[in-house]
Amino acid sequence: MKIALSFIVLIATVATIAHASDPSPLQDFCVAVNDSMAAVFVNGKICKNPNQVVAEDFFFPGLNKPGNTSNPLGSRVTLVNVDKLPGLNTLGISLARLDFAPYGLNPPHTHPRATEILVVIKGTLYVGFVTSNPADPTQKNKLFTKYLYPGDVFVFPQGLIHFQFNVGNENALAFASLSSQNPGVITIANAVFGSDPPISPDVLTKAFQVEKNVIDYLQAQFWMNNS
């Protein structure tokens, strides 16, 4: 009886440990410092005194105004995260307005800390995402794509590479909601070819199986963010 009871206690303890996990990170990294007085906090902002909170802390104006799409990508993302709307702190959501010039592109990127759900308001968007590497090495990453029209909704799973492309000859507009107050964004081309300092061409030539002059050309380009 004692053995059976001990076994049950052990299983319960292991199950509890197995289900425990760290909270999802809200920034790229947080280097540990051995200083209890350091005023740097992980996973969020310092909370404002509740007695000093006002309605403006939960308010952001101007999302009705189109973003400037006069750039090489022909798109502009206006993100409303915790840095712009303090009331979002600890609530786990943020919002973005996406404007597209004709044939404008929100290039392949990921949100390391958020799932994104997109609704099209105007125009026609070609959208898609790519799965992570399959367990079977003989298979390829799978691409899911869809043409979206006004009123259509599409979801991009957290951390997966995705894009939106305006396939029409008129401006397009969409709004996105993200499941983090600070979702982060990694634009693939910018990160790979526009990092500072640059990634070694020896790494990239082998990774992409191309000649060094191709990598040199790509690293010499101006890689911009559209947000």
Protein backbone atom coordinates (compact mmCIF):
# COMPACT_ATOMS: atom_id res chain seq x y z
CA MET A 1 0.00 0.00 0.00
CA LYS A 2 2.86 2.37 0.94
CA ILE A 3 4.62 1.58 -2.36
CA ALA A 4 1.46 2.29 -4.35
CA LEU A 5 0.92 5.56 -2.48
CA SER A 6 4.54 6.59 -3.04
CA PHE A 7 4.17 5.81 -6.75
CA ILE A 8 1.04 7.97 -7.00
CA VAL A 9 2.80 10.85 -5.25
CA LEU A 10 5.79 10.48 -7.59
CA ILE A 11 3.61 10.49 -10.72
CA ALA A 12 1.70 13.54 -9.49
CA THR A 13 4.97 15.36 -8.82
CA VAL A 14 6.40 14.51 -12.25
CA ALA A 15 3.15 15.51 -13.97
CA THR A 16 3.21 18.86 -12.17
CA ILE A 17 6.79 19.49 -13.27
CA ALA A 18 6.03 18.40 -16.84
CA HIS A 19 3.19 20.91 -17.14
CA ALA A 20 5.20 23.80 -15.69
CA SER A 21 6.78 26.18 -18.19
CA ASP A 22 8.28 29.62 -18.46
CA PRO A 23 6.07 32.48 -19.68
CA SER A 24 6.44 33.34 -23.34
CA PRO A 25 9.17 35.98 -23.84
CA LEU A 26 8.12 39.50 -24.81
CA GLN A 27 11.51 40.59 -26.12
CA ASP A 28 14.36 39.02 -28.10
CA PHE A 29 16.57 38.44 -25.06
CA CYS A 30 17.10 39.47 -21.44
CA VAL A 31 20.70 39.06 -20.27
CA ALA A 32 20.84 38.16 -16.57
CA VAL A 33 22.50 40.61 -14.19
CA ASN A 34 23.40 39.89 -10.57
CA ASP A 35 21.94 43.13 -9.27
CA SER A 36 18.67 43.24 -7.37
CA MET A 37 18.48 47.00 -7.89
CA ALA A 38 18.73 46.89 -11.69
CA ALA A 39 15.65 48.62 -13.12
CA VAL A 40 15.32 46.34 -16.16
CA PHE A 41 12.28 44.09 -16.15
CA VAL A 42 11.53 41.02 -18.27
CA ASN A 43 8.24 40.37 -20.05
CA GLY A 44 6.57 43.72 -19.87
CA LYS A 45 6.73 47.28 -18.65
CA ILE A 46 6.83 48.63 -15.11
CA CYS A 47 3.23 49.09 -13.97
CA LYS A 48 1.91 52.60 -13.51
CA ASN A 49 0.42 53.53 -10.17
CA PRO A 50 -3.31 52.67 -10.54
CA ASN A 51 -4.21 55.97 -8.90
CA GLN A 52 -2.46 57.80 -11.75
CA VAL A 53 -4.04 55.84 -14.62
CA VAL A 54 -6.16 57.92 -17.01
CA ALA A 55 -8.35 57.14 -20.03
CA GLU A 56 -5.60 58.28 -22.42
CA ASP A 57 -3.49 55.30 -21.27
CA PHE A 58 -5.96 53.06 -23.14
CA PHE A 59 -6.32 55.29 -26.22
CA PHE A 60 -4.51 55.56 -29.57
CA PRO A 61 -5.74 57.98 -32.26
CA GLY A 62 -5.23 58.14 -36.01
CA LEU A 63 -5.45 54.57 -37.25
CA ASN A 64 -7.93 55.84 -39.83
CA LYS A 65 -5.09 57.64 -41.63
CA PRO A 66 -3.35 55.74 -44.48
CA GLY A 67 0.31 54.89 -44.01
CA ASN A 68 2.89 56.27 -46.43
CA THR A 69 3.55 53.55 -49.04
CA SER A 70 6.07 55.62 -51.03
CA ASN A 71 8.93 53.20 -50.54
CA PRO A 72 10.55 50.35 -52.51
CA LEU A 73 8.15 47.78 -51.01
CA GLY A 74 5.00 49.79 -51.67
CA SER A 75 3.59 49.00 -48.24
CA ARG A 76 3.42 50.43 -44.74
CA VAL A 77 2.62 48.70 -41.47
CA THR A 78 1.34 50.91 -38.65
CA LEU A 79 1.74 48.86 -35.49
CA VAL A 80 -0.08 49.69 -32.27
CA ASN A 81 1.80 47.78 -29.57
CA VAL A 82 2.50 48.44 -25.91
CA ASP A 83 5.07 51.11 -26.78
CA LYS A 84 2.33 53.18 -28.44
CA LEU A 85 -0.62 52.16 -26.27
CA PRO A 86 0.53 51.69 -22.64
CA GLY A 87 -2.80 50.17 -21.61
CA LEU A 88 -1.92 47.04 -23.59
CA ASN A 89 0.68 46.06 -21.00
CA THR A 90 -0.01 42.50 -19.72
CA LEU A 91 -3.09 42.13 -21.97
CA GLY A 92 -1.40 40.00 -24.64
CA ILE A 93 -2.74 41.74 -27.75
CA SER A 94 -1.73 44.37 -30.30
CA LEU A 95 -3.04 45.73 -33.58
CA ALA A 96 -1.68 46.78 -36.95
CA ARG A 97 -2.92 48.67 -39.99
CA LEU A 98 -1.48 47.46 -43.31
CA ASP A 99 -1.52 49.79 -46.32
CA PHE A 100 -0.52 48.65 -49.80
CA ALA A 101 0.12 50.60 -52.98
CA PRO A 102 -0.75 48.74 -56.19
CA TYR A 103 1.45 45.61 -56.23
CA GLY A 104 2.85 46.54 -52.85
CA LEU A 105 4.36 43.81 -50.70
CA ASN A 106 4.68 43.13 -47.01
CA PRO A 107 7.72 40.87 -47.49
CA PRO A 108 8.27 37.44 -45.93
CA HIS A 109 8.65 37.86 -42.18
CA THR A 110 7.85 36.23 -38.87
CA HIS A 111 6.42 37.32 -35.54
CA PRO A 112 8.41 35.34 -32.97
CA ARG A 113 5.96 36.03 -30.17
CA ALA A 114 2.52 36.16 -31.79
CA THR A 115 -0.11 34.57 -33.96
CA GLU A 116 -1.60 37.05 -36.45
CA ILE A 117 -5.16 37.22 -37.74
CA LEU A 118 -5.76 39.47 -40.77
CA VAL A 119 -8.95 40.95 -42.21
CA VAL A 120 -9.00 42.64 -45.61
CA ILE A 121 -10.94 45.90 -45.85
CA LYS A 122 -10.12 46.99 -49.41
CA GLY A 123 -8.42 45.47 -52.44
CA THR A 124 -7.18 41.97 -53.21
CA LEU A 125 -4.30 40.41 -51.31
CA TYR A 126 -2.35 37.26 -52.09
CA VAL A 127 -1.22 35.93 -48.71
CA GLY A 128 0.53 32.85 -47.44
CA PHE A 129 2.73 31.16 -44.87
CA VAL A 130 5.30 28.37 -44.89
CA THR A 131 5.45 25.54 -42.38
CA SER A 132 8.51 24.77 -40.28
CA ASN A 133 10.92 22.06 -41.41
CA PRO A 134 9.11 18.69 -41.66
CA ALA A 135 10.26 15.74 -39.60
CA ASP A 136 10.75 13.74 -42.79
CA PRO A 137 13.91 15.15 -44.49
CA THR A 138 12.63 14.00 -47.89
CA GLN A 139 9.69 16.39 -47.66
CA LYS A 140 9.70 20.13 -48.24
CA ASN A 141 8.28 22.97 -46.19
CA LYS A 142 4.64 23.35 -47.18
CA LEU A 143 3.23 26.64 -48.49
CA PHE A 144 -0.37 27.66 -47.76
CA THR A 145 -1.69 30.55 -49.87
CA LYS A 146 -5.00 32.29 -50.48
CA TYR A 147 -6.40 35.24 -52.41
CA LEU A 148 -8.28 37.49 -50.01
CA TYR A 149 -11.03 39.99 -50.81
CA PRO A 150 -12.81 42.58 -48.65
CA GLY A 151 -14.28 40.87 -45.60
CA ASP A 152 -12.02 37.81 -45.86
CA VAL A 153 -10.00 36.68 -42.84
CA PHE A 154 -6.77 34.67 -42.71
CA VAL A 155 -4.61 33.52 -39.80
CA PHE A 156 -0.82 33.17 -39.68
CA PRO A 157 0.46 30.78 -36.98
CA GLN A 158 2.99 32.09 -34.49
CA GLY A 159 6.60 32.15 -35.64
CA LEU A 160 5.98 30.97 -39.21
CA ILE A 161 7.24 32.90 -42.25
CA HIS A 162 4.38 34.71 -44.00
CA PHE A 163 3.66 37.56 -46.43
CA GLN A 164 0.93 39.72 -47.98
CA PHE A 165 1.02 40.98 -51.57
CA ASN A 166 -1.41 43.39 -53.23
CA VAL A 167 -2.19 41.80 -56.60
CA GLY A 168 -4.54 44.58 -57.70
CA ASN A 169 -3.95 47.88 -59.49
CA GLU A 170 -5.57 49.86 -56.67
CA ASN A 171 -4.61 50.54 -53.07
CA ALA A 172 -5.36 47.81 -50.54
CA LEU A 173 -6.04 47.98 -46.84
CA ALA A 174 -6.08 45.36 -44.09
CA PHE A 175 -6.06 45.23 -40.32
CA ALA A 176 -4.30 42.61 -38.23
CA SER A 177 -4.57 41.57 -34.61
CA LEU A 178 -1.63 39.87 -32.91
CA SER A 179 -1.60 37.75 -29.77
CA SER A 180 1.13 39.68 -27.97
CA GLN A 181 1.57 43.19 -26.65
CA ASN A 182 5.03 43.12 -28.29
CA PRO A 183 4.91 40.56 -31.13
CA GLY A 184 8.25 41.44 -32.70
CA VAL A 185 9.00 41.10 -36.39
CA ILE A 186 11.86 39.48 -38.28
CA THR A 187 11.93 40.44 -41.95
CA ILE A 188 13.80 37.56 -43.54
CA ALA A 189 15.75 39.42 -46.24
CA ASN A 190 16.69 42.25 -43.87
CA ALA A 191 17.91 39.87 -41.18
CA VAL A 192 19.90 37.66 -43.54
CA PHE A 193 21.38 40.22 -45.92
CA GLY A 194 21.15 43.50 -44.03
CA SER A 195 22.40 42.66 -40.53
CA ASP A 196 25.01 44.80 -38.78
CA PRO A 197 27.68 43.54 -38.86
CA PRO A 198 27.00 41.46 -41.98
CA ILE A 199 26.82 37.69 -41.82
CA SER A 200 29.97 36.18 -43.30
CA PRO A 201 29.60 35.56 -47.08
CA ASP A 202 31.17 32.14 -46.46
CA VAL A 203 28.13 31.24 -44.37
CA LEU A 204 25.59 32.61 -46.84
CA THR A 205 27.17 31.17 -50.00
CA LYS A 206 27.02 27.71 -48.48
CA ALA A 207 23.55 28.22 -46.99
CA PHE A 208 22.01 29.44 -50.26
CA GLN A 209 24.27 27.44 -52.61
CA VAL A 210 25.16 30.46 -54.75
CA GLU A 211 28.34 32.26 -55.79
CA LYS A 212 29.91 34.87 -53.54
CA ASN A 213 29.18 37.68 -56.02
CA VAL A 214 25.45 37.03 -55.57
CA ILE A 215 25.78 37.39 -51.80
CA ASP A 216 27.94 40.51 -52.20
CA TYR A 217 25.25 42.04 -54.42
CA LEU A 218 22.45 41.24 -51.98
CA GLN A 219 24.36 42.54 -48.96
CA ALA A 220 25.10 45.78 -50.81
CA GLN A 221 21.39 46.55 -51.25
CA PHE A 222 19.41 48.87 -48.99
CA TRP A 223 17.16 46.71 -46.84
CA MET A 224 14.35 48.73 -45.28
CA ASN A 225 11.65 48.02 -42.76
CA ASN A 226 8.11 49.04 -43.71
CA SER A 227 6.91 49.72 -40.18
